[in-house]
Amino acid sequence: MRSIWNGAISFGLVSIPIKLVNATENHAIHFRQIHLADGGRIRYRKVCELDEEEVSGGEIGKAYEDADGTMIPITDEDLAQLPLPTAKTIEIVAFVPADQIDPLQMDAAYYLSANGVPAAKPYTLLREALKRSNKVAVAKYALRGRERLGMLRVVDDVIAMHGLLWPDEIRAPEGVAPEGDVTVRDAELDLADALMDTLGEVDMDSLHDDYREAVEELIAAKASGEEVRPAESGEGGGGKVIDLIAALESSVRAAKKSRGEQDAAADGEGDGGADEGDMAEVHPIRKTSSGASGKSSAKTSGSAAKTAKKTTRRTPTGKTVTRSGGSAAKKSAPKSTGTKKSTSTAKKSSGSGGRGGSGVSGGRSAAKKTTAKKSASSGGTAKKTASSRKRASA
């Protein structure tokens, strides 16, 4: 890694030559400005406002603008003559516990590398001393024309330095906290604790920039001429006022479900019902209401009765034939005048007269009439047969 600053760490009377290396890098995707009409690149040129001519970097200097707008030129020689003991030195001023450093003060991060073989021994000494003391070093250093505050700590086997803002650069949080008295119940705190425990810890290395990846895919798709489909918008809170208890309970269940844990409340083993904040699953419902079934049954019964009346007729030989249409008509026509066959024919007629709801009753009533007629016919035939036998015997 390329160093951006060379100097030394001043540790009492010990001087440790070091190189300053950037510990972070910016992966943000940068865009260029273009002219929408023709796609031409938009560039900014440095132009003097007095003669309106473009000037090069060598012709540009520094100046301080006074309150009345007057420009006071400041040269590099003027700055170099200032008494700045930390111009090339990281001067350690104290060792303090890490929790005394407000994270709001933390700025850029750097790695400090030992510069040369002679620096290895004092570098290792400072590193091990920081490890054993469980403290961090507060230091001053100068970078990019100004003196800064820094914090030295150990990362693996390397000394790292975090740039710190000066205490007077931290703004007080005035007017930021919610106004008025807000009371939080113990039940809400308990649920918040449960949610924190369920979420647990996270492997920081597993976190990544989803938005940057989406932008890279968008650029690749446009570069290859592919059609770009709009992404599905996720559900957002929208700043709605919600039931805090229900939201916390739902959050705990969702967190447990995402981690593969069983939740008694989610499985219905808790209070036996869903909370007000739960989302119910929607299933399609079959249209089988009692009113609809009654109407369909009545229609079926009426049609079956009409069919039975229309298809029941008496043959010239005295036989009764009931036809219900299709193959059922053939089955319903009996070949003999026996009572058993008439009964079976009546059953088949009733079965074919209507298969749904109360339509069966219409078929059965028609079958009863048919059976009664056939029984009467059979009775008459039996009487004729008996009288003929008597005459023959006489």
Protein backbone atom coordinates (compact mmCIF):
# COMPACT_ATOMS: atom_id res chain seq x y z
CA MET A 1 0.00 0.00 0.00
CA ARG A 2 1.21 3.48 -0.88
CA SER A 3 2.08 5.75 2.03
CA ILE A 4 0.57 9.24 2.15
CA TRP A 5 2.76 10.68 4.92
CA ASN A 6 6.18 9.94 6.40
CA GLY A 7 7.19 10.92 9.92
CA ALA A 8 7.77 9.48 13.37
CA ILE A 9 5.87 8.56 16.51
CA SER A 10 7.13 10.47 19.51
CA PHE A 11 6.83 8.17 22.55
CA GLY A 12 8.56 10.14 25.33
CA LEU A 13 12.20 10.11 24.32
CA VAL A 14 11.58 7.20 21.93
CA SER A 15 11.17 8.06 18.25
CA ILE A 16 9.66 5.48 15.91
CA PRO A 17 9.97 6.21 12.16
CA ILE A 18 6.68 5.30 10.49
CA LYS A 19 4.72 5.57 7.25
CA LEU A 20 1.06 6.57 7.20
CA VAL A 21 -1.17 4.39 5.01
CA ASN A 22 -4.91 4.74 4.37
CA ALA A 23 -6.78 1.97 6.22
CA THR A 24 -10.05 2.47 4.34
CA GLU A 25 -11.13 2.84 0.74
CA ASN A 26 -14.23 4.24 -0.89
CA HIS A 27 -16.16 1.82 -3.10
CA ALA A 28 -18.87 4.30 -4.03
CA ILE A 29 -19.72 4.48 -7.74
CA HIS A 30 -18.99 7.91 -9.16
CA PHE A 31 -20.96 9.41 -12.04
CA ARG A 32 -20.01 12.04 -14.60
CA GLN A 33 -22.20 14.91 -15.64
CA ILE A 34 -23.25 14.90 -19.29
CA HIS A 35 -25.23 17.08 -21.66
CA LEU A 36 -28.61 15.36 -22.10
CA ALA A 37 -28.99 16.61 -25.67
CA ASP A 38 -25.90 14.94 -27.12
CA GLY A 39 -24.26 13.03 -24.23
CA GLY A 40 -21.24 15.31 -24.16
CA ARG A 41 -19.15 15.45 -20.98
CA ILE A 42 -19.65 18.46 -18.72
CA ARG A 43 -16.37 19.79 -17.34
CA TYR A 44 -15.59 22.50 -14.85
CA ARG A 45 -12.88 24.97 -15.72
CA LYS A 46 -11.17 27.33 -13.31
CA VAL A 47 -11.75 30.80 -14.60
CA CYS A 48 -10.64 34.09 -13.08
CA GLU A 49 -13.70 36.23 -12.45
CA LEU A 50 -11.81 39.45 -13.27
CA ASP A 51 -10.45 38.70 -16.75
CA GLU A 52 -12.71 35.66 -17.39
CA GLU A 53 -9.75 33.61 -18.54
CA GLU A 54 -9.04 29.98 -17.65
CA VAL A 55 -6.01 29.54 -15.38
CA SER A 56 -3.80 26.49 -14.73
CA GLY A 57 -3.02 24.91 -11.35
CA GLY A 58 0.40 26.58 -11.16
CA GLU A 59 -1.23 29.99 -11.27
CA ILE A 60 -3.60 29.28 -8.38
CA GLY A 61 -2.72 30.18 -4.78
CA LYS A 62 -4.49 30.39 -1.39
CA ALA A 63 -6.16 33.33 0.27
CA TYR A 64 -8.38 33.98 3.26
CA GLU A 65 -11.60 35.88 2.62
CA ASP A 66 -12.24 38.49 5.28
CA ALA A 67 -15.69 39.40 6.53
CA ASP A 68 -15.91 42.37 4.17
CA GLY A 69 -14.93 40.21 1.18
CA THR A 70 -11.30 41.22 1.09
CA MET A 71 -8.90 38.45 -0.04
CA ILE A 72 -5.79 38.03 2.14
CA PRO A 73 -3.17 35.94 0.27
CA ILE A 74 -1.46 33.16 2.29
CA THR A 75 1.57 31.42 0.78
CA ASP A 76 3.11 28.02 1.52
CA GLU A 77 6.17 29.84 2.88
CA ASP A 78 3.97 31.67 5.38
CA LEU A 79 2.57 28.38 6.66
CA ALA A 80 5.98 26.69 6.77
CA GLN A 81 7.31 29.38 9.15
CA LEU A 82 4.62 28.68 11.74
CA PRO A 83 5.77 26.83 14.89
CA LEU A 84 4.15 23.45 14.31
CA PRO A 85 5.97 20.74 16.31
CA THR A 86 3.74 18.01 14.90
CA ALA A 87 4.53 18.82 11.25
CA LYS A 88 6.36 15.49 10.86
CA THR A 89 5.64 13.89 14.21
CA ILE A 90 2.76 11.98 15.76
CA GLU A 91 3.15 13.20 19.32
CA ILE A 92 1.55 10.95 21.97
CA VAL A 93 0.15 13.11 24.77
CA ALA A 94 -1.73 10.55 26.94
CA PHE A 95 -2.92 6.97 27.38
CA VAL A 96 -6.59 6.58 28.26
CA PRO A 97 -9.23 3.79 28.36
CA ALA A 98 -10.90 3.32 25.01
CA ASP A 99 -14.37 4.05 26.41
CA GLN A 100 -13.30 7.63 27.12
CA ILE A 101 -13.19 8.34 23.39
CA ASP A 102 -16.58 9.44 22.06
CA PRO A 103 -17.31 7.60 18.78
CA LEU A 104 -18.70 10.90 17.45
CA GLN A 105 -15.13 12.17 17.32
CA MET A 106 -13.82 9.38 15.09
CA ASP A 107 -12.88 10.38 11.57
CA ALA A 108 -10.57 8.76 9.00
CA ALA A 109 -8.52 5.64 9.81
CA TYR A 110 -4.89 4.89 8.99
CA TYR A 111 -2.34 2.12 9.46
CA LEU A 112 1.06 3.00 10.88
CA SER A 113 3.86 1.00 9.29
CA ALA A 114 7.38 0.75 10.70
CA ASN A 115 9.72 2.63 8.34
CA GLY A 116 12.87 0.56 8.11
CA VAL A 117 14.56 -2.16 10.16
CA PRO A 118 15.63 0.11 13.06
CA ALA A 119 12.01 1.04 13.66
CA ALA A 120 10.88 -2.57 14.17
CA LYS A 121 11.97 -2.84 17.82
CA PRO A 122 10.42 0.40 19.20
CA TYR A 123 7.32 -0.19 17.03
CA THR A 124 6.82 -3.65 18.57
CA LEU A 125 7.45 -2.23 22.06
CA LEU A 126 4.68 0.36 21.68
CA ARG A 127 2.31 -2.21 20.19
CA GLU A 128 2.77 -4.70 23.02
CA ALA A 129 2.49 -1.95 25.66
CA LEU A 130 -0.87 -0.89 24.21
CA LYS A 131 -2.06 -4.51 24.21
CA ARG A 132 -1.12 -5.17 27.81
CA SER A 133 -2.53 -1.91 29.17
CA ASN A 134 -5.88 -2.23 27.32
CA LYS A 135 -5.62 1.47 26.63
CA VAL A 136 -5.39 3.71 23.59
CA ALA A 137 -2.95 6.54 22.94
CA VAL A 138 -4.16 10.08 22.28
CA ALA A 139 -1.84 11.96 19.96
CA LYS A 140 -1.47 15.12 17.89
CA TYR A 141 -0.28 15.17 14.30
CA ALA A 142 -0.30 17.51 11.31
CA LEU A 143 -1.72 16.49 7.95
CA ARG A 144 -2.80 18.48 4.90
CA GLY A 145 -1.95 21.85 6.36
CA ARG A 146 -3.59 21.57 9.76
CA GLU A 147 -2.98 20.01 13.16
CA ARG A 148 -5.26 17.12 14.05
CA LEU A 149 -6.12 14.86 16.95
CA GLY A 150 -5.68 11.11 16.72
CA MET A 151 -6.14 7.86 18.64
CA LEU A 152 -3.69 4.96 18.38
CA ARG A 153 -4.83 1.39 19.01
CA VAL A 154 -3.75 -2.13 18.05
CA VAL A 155 -5.45 -4.00 15.20
CA ASP A 156 -4.06 -7.56 14.87
CA ASP A 157 -0.29 -6.95 14.80
CA VAL A 158 -0.47 -3.40 13.48
CA ILE A 159 -0.82 -0.02 15.15
CA ALA A 160 -3.77 1.84 13.68
CA MET A 161 -4.57 5.52 14.08
CA HIS A 162 -8.03 7.06 13.95
CA GLY A 163 -8.29 10.73 13.16
CA LEU A 164 -10.40 12.47 15.79
CA LEU A 165 -12.39 15.66 15.63
CA TRP A 166 -11.48 18.26 18.19
CA PRO A 167 -13.95 18.42 21.10
CA ASP A 168 -15.17 21.86 20.03
CA GLU A 169 -16.07 20.42 16.60
CA ILE A 170 -18.77 18.18 18.11
CA ARG A 171 -22.13 19.89 18.13
CA ALA A 172 -24.43 19.58 21.13
CA PRO A 173 -27.65 17.62 20.37
CA GLU A 174 -29.97 20.54 21.13
CA GLY A 175 -33.54 20.24 19.90
CA VAL A 176 -32.99 16.69 18.59
CA ALA A 177 -34.57 14.59 21.34
CA PRO A 178 -38.38 14.01 21.30
CA GLU A 179 -40.32 16.81 22.90
CA GLY A 180 -42.50 16.20 25.95
CA ASP A 181 -42.50 13.38 28.47
CA VAL A 182 -42.66 9.94 26.89
CA THR A 183 -43.31 6.96 29.17
CA VAL A 184 -42.08 3.49 28.23
CA ARG A 185 -43.71 0.53 29.98
CA ASP A 186 -41.79 -2.41 31.39
CA ALA A 187 -43.59 -4.78 29.03
CA GLU A 188 -42.30 -2.79 26.06
CA LEU A 189 -38.77 -2.84 27.44
CA ASP A 190 -39.00 -6.59 27.98
CA LEU A 191 -40.06 -7.12 24.37
CA ALA A 192 -37.29 -4.83 23.17
CA ASP A 193 -34.78 -6.87 25.18
CA ALA A 194 -36.21 -10.08 23.72
CA LEU A 195 -35.84 -8.68 20.20
CA MET A 196 -32.23 -7.66 20.90
CA ASP A 197 -31.44 -11.11 22.25
CA THR A 198 -33.09 -12.79 19.27
CA LEU A 199 -31.23 -10.70 16.72
CA GLY A 200 -28.05 -11.37 18.64
CA GLU A 201 -24.71 -10.63 17.04
CA VAL A 202 -23.68 -10.41 13.41
CA ASP A 203 -20.55 -11.24 11.48
CA MET A 204 -19.45 -7.80 10.28
CA ASP A 205 -17.67 -9.37 7.31
CA SER A 206 -21.01 -10.66 6.03
CA LEU A 207 -22.43 -7.14 5.63
CA HIS A 208 -22.16 -5.57 2.19
CA ASP A 209 -23.50 -2.70 0.12
CA ASP A 210 -26.63 -4.00 -1.66
CA TYR A 211 -27.29 -0.68 -3.36
CA ARG A 212 -23.83 -0.51 -4.93
CA GLU A 213 -24.24 -4.05 -6.28
CA ALA A 214 -27.61 -3.10 -7.78
CA VAL A 215 -26.05 -0.04 -9.46
CA GLU A 216 -23.24 -2.21 -10.89
CA GLU A 217 -25.79 -4.66 -12.32
CA LEU A 218 -27.74 -1.75 -13.81
CA ILE A 219 -24.60 -0.36 -15.49
CA ALA A 220 -23.64 -3.81 -16.83
CA ALA A 221 -27.14 -4.38 -18.23
CA LYS A 222 -27.21 -1.00 -19.98
CA ALA A 223 -23.71 -1.48 -21.35
CA SER A 224 -24.71 -4.81 -22.92
CA GLY A 225 -27.94 -3.40 -24.32
CA GLU A 226 -30.21 -5.53 -22.16
CA GLU A 227 -33.63 -4.39 -21.06
CA VAL A 228 -33.60 -2.98 -17.57
CA ARG A 229 -36.55 -4.12 -15.49
CA PRO A 230 -37.74 -1.95 -12.60
CA ALA A 231 -36.89 -3.40 -9.21
CA GLU A 232 -39.65 -4.48 -6.87
CA SER A 233 -40.24 -1.87 -4.23
CA GLY A 234 -39.97 -3.17 -0.67
CA GLU A 235 -42.49 -2.44 2.00
CA GLY A 236 -41.56 0.58 4.05
CA GLY A 237 -42.76 1.82 7.37
CA GLY A 238 -43.84 5.15 5.96
CA GLY A 239 -43.76 6.78 9.38
CA LYS A 240 -47.09 5.27 10.39
CA VAL A 241 -48.17 5.25 14.03
CA ILE A 242 -48.42 1.58 15.01
CA ASP A 243 -49.14 -0.54 18.03
CA LEU A 244 -45.70 -0.74 19.61
CA ILE A 245 -46.37 -3.95 21.54
CA ALA A 246 -47.74 -5.75 18.47
CA ALA A 247 -44.86 -4.52 16.34
CA LEU A 248 -42.29 -5.75 18.86
CA GLU A 249 -43.95 -9.15 19.19
CA SER A 250 -44.13 -9.54 15.41
CA SER A 251 -40.49 -8.49 15.13
CA VAL A 252 -39.41 -11.11 17.68
CA ARG A 253 -41.30 -13.83 15.84
CA ALA A 254 -39.90 -12.76 12.48
CA ALA A 255 -36.36 -12.71 13.87
CA LYS A 256 -36.76 -16.19 15.36
CA LYS A 257 -38.23 -17.50 12.13
CA SER A 258 -35.33 -16.11 10.13
CA ARG A 259 -32.90 -17.88 12.45
CA GLY A 260 -34.81 -21.18 12.25
CA GLU A 261 -36.08 -21.11 15.83
CA GLN A 262 -39.52 -22.25 16.97
CA ASP A 263 -41.77 -19.65 18.53
CA ALA A 264 -44.62 -20.84 20.70
CA ALA A 265 -46.68 -17.74 20.03
CA ALA A 266 -46.25 -18.10 16.28
CA ASP A 267 -47.34 -21.76 16.44
CA GLY A 268 -50.47 -20.95 18.48
CA GLU A 269 -49.16 -22.46 21.72
CA GLY A 270 -49.20 -19.18 23.58
CA ASP A 271 -52.36 -17.22 24.17
CA GLY A 272 -54.29 -19.29 21.64
CA GLY A 273 -54.94 -16.47 19.22
CA ALA A 274 -53.23 -14.09 16.90
CA ASP A 275 -52.22 -10.66 18.05
CA GLU A 276 -53.72 -7.54 16.61
CA GLY A 277 -50.48 -6.74 14.82
CA ASP A 278 -50.28 -10.15 13.11
CA MET A 279 -50.85 -10.60 9.42
CA ALA A 280 -53.41 -13.35 8.69
CA GLU A 281 -52.89 -15.82 5.87
CA VAL A 282 -55.52 -15.61 3.16
CA HIS A 283 -56.88 -18.84 1.63
CA PRO A 284 -59.40 -19.15 -1.20
CA ILE A 285 -62.93 -20.08 0.02
CA ARG A 286 -65.20 -22.41 -1.92
CA LYS A 287 -68.60 -20.88 -2.70
CA THR A 288 -70.79 -23.43 -0.85
CA SER A 289 -73.12 -21.22 1.16
CA SER A 290 -76.38 -22.65 2.48
CA GLY A 291 -78.45 -20.21 0.45
CA ALA A 292 -76.72 -21.11 -2.79
CA SER A 293 -76.93 -24.83 -2.08
CA GLY A 294 -80.63 -24.53 -1.24
CA LYS A 295 -81.32 -22.75 -4.50
CA SER A 296 -79.35 -25.26 -6.52
CA SER A 297 -81.06 -28.15 -4.71
CA ALA A 298 -84.49 -26.69 -5.40
CA LYS A 299 -83.62 -26.24 -9.08
CA THR A 300 -82.29 -29.78 -9.28
CA SER A 301 -85.38 -31.18 -7.49
CA GLY A 302 -87.73 -29.32 -9.81
CA SER A 303 -85.86 -30.43 -12.93
CA ALA A 304 -85.75 -34.02 -11.65
CA ALA A 305 -89.49 -34.00 -10.97
CA LYS A 306 -90.21 -32.61 -14.43
CA THR A 307 -87.95 -35.22 -15.97
CA ALA A 308 -89.70 -37.97 -14.02
CA LYS A 309 -93.14 -36.76 -15.16
CA LYS A 310 -92.10 -36.45 -18.77
CA THR A 311 -90.35 -39.80 -19.09
CA THR A 312 -92.86 -42.00 -17.19
CA ARG A 313 -95.41 -43.53 -19.61
CA ARG A 314 -97.55 -46.61 -19.97
CA THR A 315 -97.03 -49.02 -22.85
CA PRO A 316 -99.94 -50.69 -24.75
CA THR A 317 -99.15 -53.99 -23.01
CA GLY A 318 -99.67 -52.44 -19.58
CA LYS A 319 -95.98 -52.04 -18.71
CA THR A 320 -94.68 -48.86 -17.15
CA VAL A 321 -91.42 -47.45 -18.56
CA THR A 322 -89.39 -44.64 -16.92
CA ARG A 323 -86.64 -42.94 -18.92
CA SER A 324 -84.27 -40.31 -17.54
CA GLY A 325 -82.24 -39.63 -20.64
CA GLY A 326 -78.95 -41.09 -21.94
CA SER A 327 -77.78 -44.49 -20.83
CA ALA A 328 -79.95 -44.31 -17.70
CA ALA A 329 -83.11 -44.56 -19.81
CA LYS A 330 -82.06 -47.91 -21.13
CA LYS A 331 -81.38 -49.21 -17.66
CA SER A 332 -84.71 -47.93 -16.32
CA ALA A 333 -86.82 -49.84 -18.90
CA PRO A 334 -87.70 -53.22 -17.30
CA LYS A 335 -88.01 -56.40 -19.38
CA SER A 336 -90.42 -58.19 -16.98
CA THR A 337 -93.37 -57.23 -14.81
CA GLY A 338 -91.94 -58.69 -11.56
CA THR A 339 -92.07 -56.66 -8.40
CA LYS A 340 -88.31 -56.97 -7.75
CA LYS A 341 -87.43 -55.69 -11.21
CA SER A 342 -89.89 -52.88 -10.83
CA THR A 343 -88.26 -51.92 -7.54
CA SER A 344 -84.77 -51.98 -9.06
CA THR A 345 -86.05 -49.94 -11.98
CA ALA A 346 -87.49 -47.42 -9.52
CA LYS A 347 -84.14 -47.19 -7.70
CA LYS A 348 -82.26 -46.61 -10.94
CA SER A 349 -84.83 -44.02 -11.96
CA SER A 350 -84.50 -42.22 -8.63
CA GLY A 351 -80.69 -42.29 -8.91
CA SER A 352 -80.75 -40.85 -12.40
CA GLY A 353 -83.51 -38.36 -11.60
CA GLY A 354 -81.20 -36.09 -9.60
CA ARG A 355 -77.74 -36.48 -8.07
CA GLY A 356 -77.34 -33.27 -6.10
CA GLY A 357 -79.13 -31.92 -3.01
CA SER A 358 -82.88 -32.51 -2.69
CA GLY A 359 -83.22 -33.51 -6.35
CA VAL A 360 -83.12 -37.12 -5.16
CA SER A 361 -86.47 -36.65 -3.42
CA GLY A 362 -88.09 -35.66 -6.71
CA GLY A 363 -86.70 -38.81 -8.37
CA ARG A 364 -87.86 -40.98 -5.46
CA SER A 365 -91.42 -39.60 -5.57
CA ALA A 366 -91.59 -40.36 -9.28
CA ALA A 367 -90.17 -43.83 -8.63
CA LYS A 368 -92.82 -44.50 -5.94
CA LYS A 369 -95.60 -43.63 -8.36
CA THR A 370 -94.06 -45.92 -10.97
CA THR A 371 -93.72 -48.77 -8.46
CA ALA A 372 -97.32 -48.33 -7.32
CA LYS A 373 -98.62 -48.47 -10.88
CA LYS A 374 -96.55 -51.55 -11.64
CA SER A 375 -97.70 -53.26 -8.45
CA ALA A 376 -101.33 -52.64 -9.44
CA SER A 377 -100.64 -54.00 -12.89
CA SER A 378 -98.95 -57.07 -11.43
CA GLY A 379 -101.89 -57.60 -9.09
CA GLY A 380 -104.34 -57.52 -11.98
CA THR A 381 -102.28 -60.00 -13.94
CA ALA A 382 -102.12 -62.34 -10.94
CA LYS A 383 -105.95 -62.27 -10.55
CA LYS A 384 -106.45 -63.12 -14.23
CA THR A 385 -104.00 -66.03 -13.95
CA ALA A 386 -105.78 -67.45 -10.85
CA SER A 387 -109.22 -67.31 -12.48
CA SER A 388 -107.93 -69.05 -15.61
CA ARG A 389 -106.51 -71.86 -13.50
CA LYS A 390 -109.86 -72.41 -11.73
CA ARG A 391 -111.68 -72.64 -15.04
CA ALA A 392 -109.12 -75.12 -16.37
CA SER A 393 -109.44 -77.36 -13.33
CA ALA A 394 -113.22 -77.29 -13.53
